[in-house]
């Protein structure tokens, strides 16, 4: 519940920074709450989580897109996202 509340607070603050339907990346997506919240708010959100267990939990629990690979400059192409969120990373 704490993770969900925190994700909802961050999502409300950040939603004003990107237009509706914008592509959002959550780096260090953990268990997927922020990605889930952003998707429910109308954004095309994806998570990047290097820990396989967290990535699997997020996909199974929230049905969100989580990419399970190391964080790095070549993880996605240039200009792929409108907003990149990094929290406690």
Protein backbone atom coordinates (compact mmCIF):
# COMPACT_ATOMS: atom_id res chain seq x y z
CA UNK A 1 0.00 0.00 0.00
CA UNK A 2 2.82 2.42 0.81
CA UNK A 3 4.39 1.90 -2.63
CA UNK A 4 1.01 2.49 -4.29
CA UNK A 5 0.40 5.71 -2.35
CA UNK A 6 3.87 7.03 -3.15
CA UNK A 7 3.47 6.17 -6.83
CA UNK A 8 0.10 7.92 -6.97
CA UNK A 9 1.54 11.10 -5.39
CA UNK A 10 4.48 11.19 -7.81
CA UNK A 11 2.20 10.46 -10.78
CA UNK A 12 -0.11 13.37 -9.90
CA UNK A 13 2.83 15.77 -9.65
CA UNK A 14 4.47 14.61 -12.88
CA UNK A 15 1.34 14.25 -15.03
CA UNK A 16 1.32 18.01 -15.60
CA UNK A 17 4.76 17.84 -17.23
CA UNK A 18 3.74 15.73 -20.21
CA UNK A 19 0.76 15.79 -22.58
CA UNK A 20 -1.92 13.11 -22.33
CA UNK A 21 -0.80 9.92 -24.02
CA UNK A 22 2.89 10.78 -23.67
CA UNK A 23 5.49 8.01 -23.48
CA UNK A 24 6.82 7.66 -19.91
CA UNK A 25 9.77 5.59 -18.75
CA UNK A 26 10.22 4.61 -15.10
CA UNK A 27 13.87 3.74 -14.51
CA UNK A 28 14.20 1.31 -11.61
CA UNK A 29 10.52 0.41 -11.86
CA UNK A 30 10.71 -1.99 -8.92
CA UNK A 31 7.34 -3.69 -8.43
CA UNK A 32 5.55 -1.56 -11.05
CA UNK A 33 3.22 0.72 -9.08
CA UNK A 34 4.31 3.94 -10.81
CA UNK A 35 4.06 2.40 -14.29
CA UNK A 36 0.61 1.05 -13.46
CA UNK A 37 -0.57 4.41 -12.11
CA UNK A 38 0.70 6.31 -15.14
CA UNK A 39 -0.97 3.84 -17.50
CA UNK A 40 -4.26 4.24 -15.66
CA UNK A 41 -3.85 8.02 -16.05
CA UNK A 42 -3.69 7.74 -19.84
CA UNK A 43 0.06 7.65 -20.42
CA UNK A 44 1.98 5.03 -22.39
CA UNK A 45 4.24 3.98 -19.53
CA UNK A 46 7.04 1.44 -19.53
CA UNK A 47 9.32 0.36 -16.73
CA UNK A 48 13.00 -0.52 -16.84
CA UNK A 49 13.92 -2.88 -13.99
CA UNK A 50 17.21 -4.84 -13.90
CA UNK A 51 16.01 -7.14 -11.10
CA UNK A 52 14.21 -10.10 -12.69
CA UNK A 53 12.08 -10.84 -9.61
CA UNK A 54 10.71 -7.29 -9.38
CA UNK A 55 10.08 -7.20 -13.14
CA UNK A 56 8.20 -10.51 -13.05
CA UNK A 57 6.13 -9.38 -10.06
CA UNK A 58 5.15 -6.11 -11.80
CA UNK A 59 4.06 -7.89 -14.97
CA UNK A 60 2.13 -10.61 -13.08
CA UNK A 61 0.50 -8.24 -10.57
CA UNK A 62 -0.25 -5.14 -12.63
CA UNK A 63 0.00 -6.37 -16.23
CA UNK A 64 2.39 -3.55 -17.09
CA UNK A 65 5.25 -3.48 -19.57
CA UNK A 66 8.54 -3.90 -17.73
CA UNK A 67 11.80 -4.32 -19.60
CA UNK A 68 14.24 -6.48 -17.67
CA UNK A 69 17.73 -5.36 -18.65
CA UNK A 70 20.56 -3.31 -17.20
CA UNK A 71 20.13 0.44 -17.00
CA UNK A 72 22.33 2.20 -19.53
CA UNK A 73 22.43 4.82 -22.26
CA UNK A 74 21.67 2.26 -24.97
CA UNK A 75 18.63 0.67 -23.28
CA UNK A 76 16.24 2.53 -25.63
CA UNK A 77 16.59 4.67 -28.74
CA UNK A 78 17.05 8.42 -28.63
CA UNK A 79 13.83 10.41 -28.29
CA UNK A 80 11.73 7.39 -27.32
CA UNK A 81 10.20 8.95 -24.19
CA UNK A 82 8.59 12.27 -23.33
CA UNK A 83 9.15 11.91 -19.58
CA UNK A 84 11.68 9.83 -17.67
CA UNK A 85 11.05 9.15 -13.98
CA UNK A 86 13.78 7.99 -11.61
CA UNK A 87 12.96 7.54 -7.92
CA UNK A 88 15.28 6.09 -5.27
CA UNK A 89 17.77 4.86 -7.87
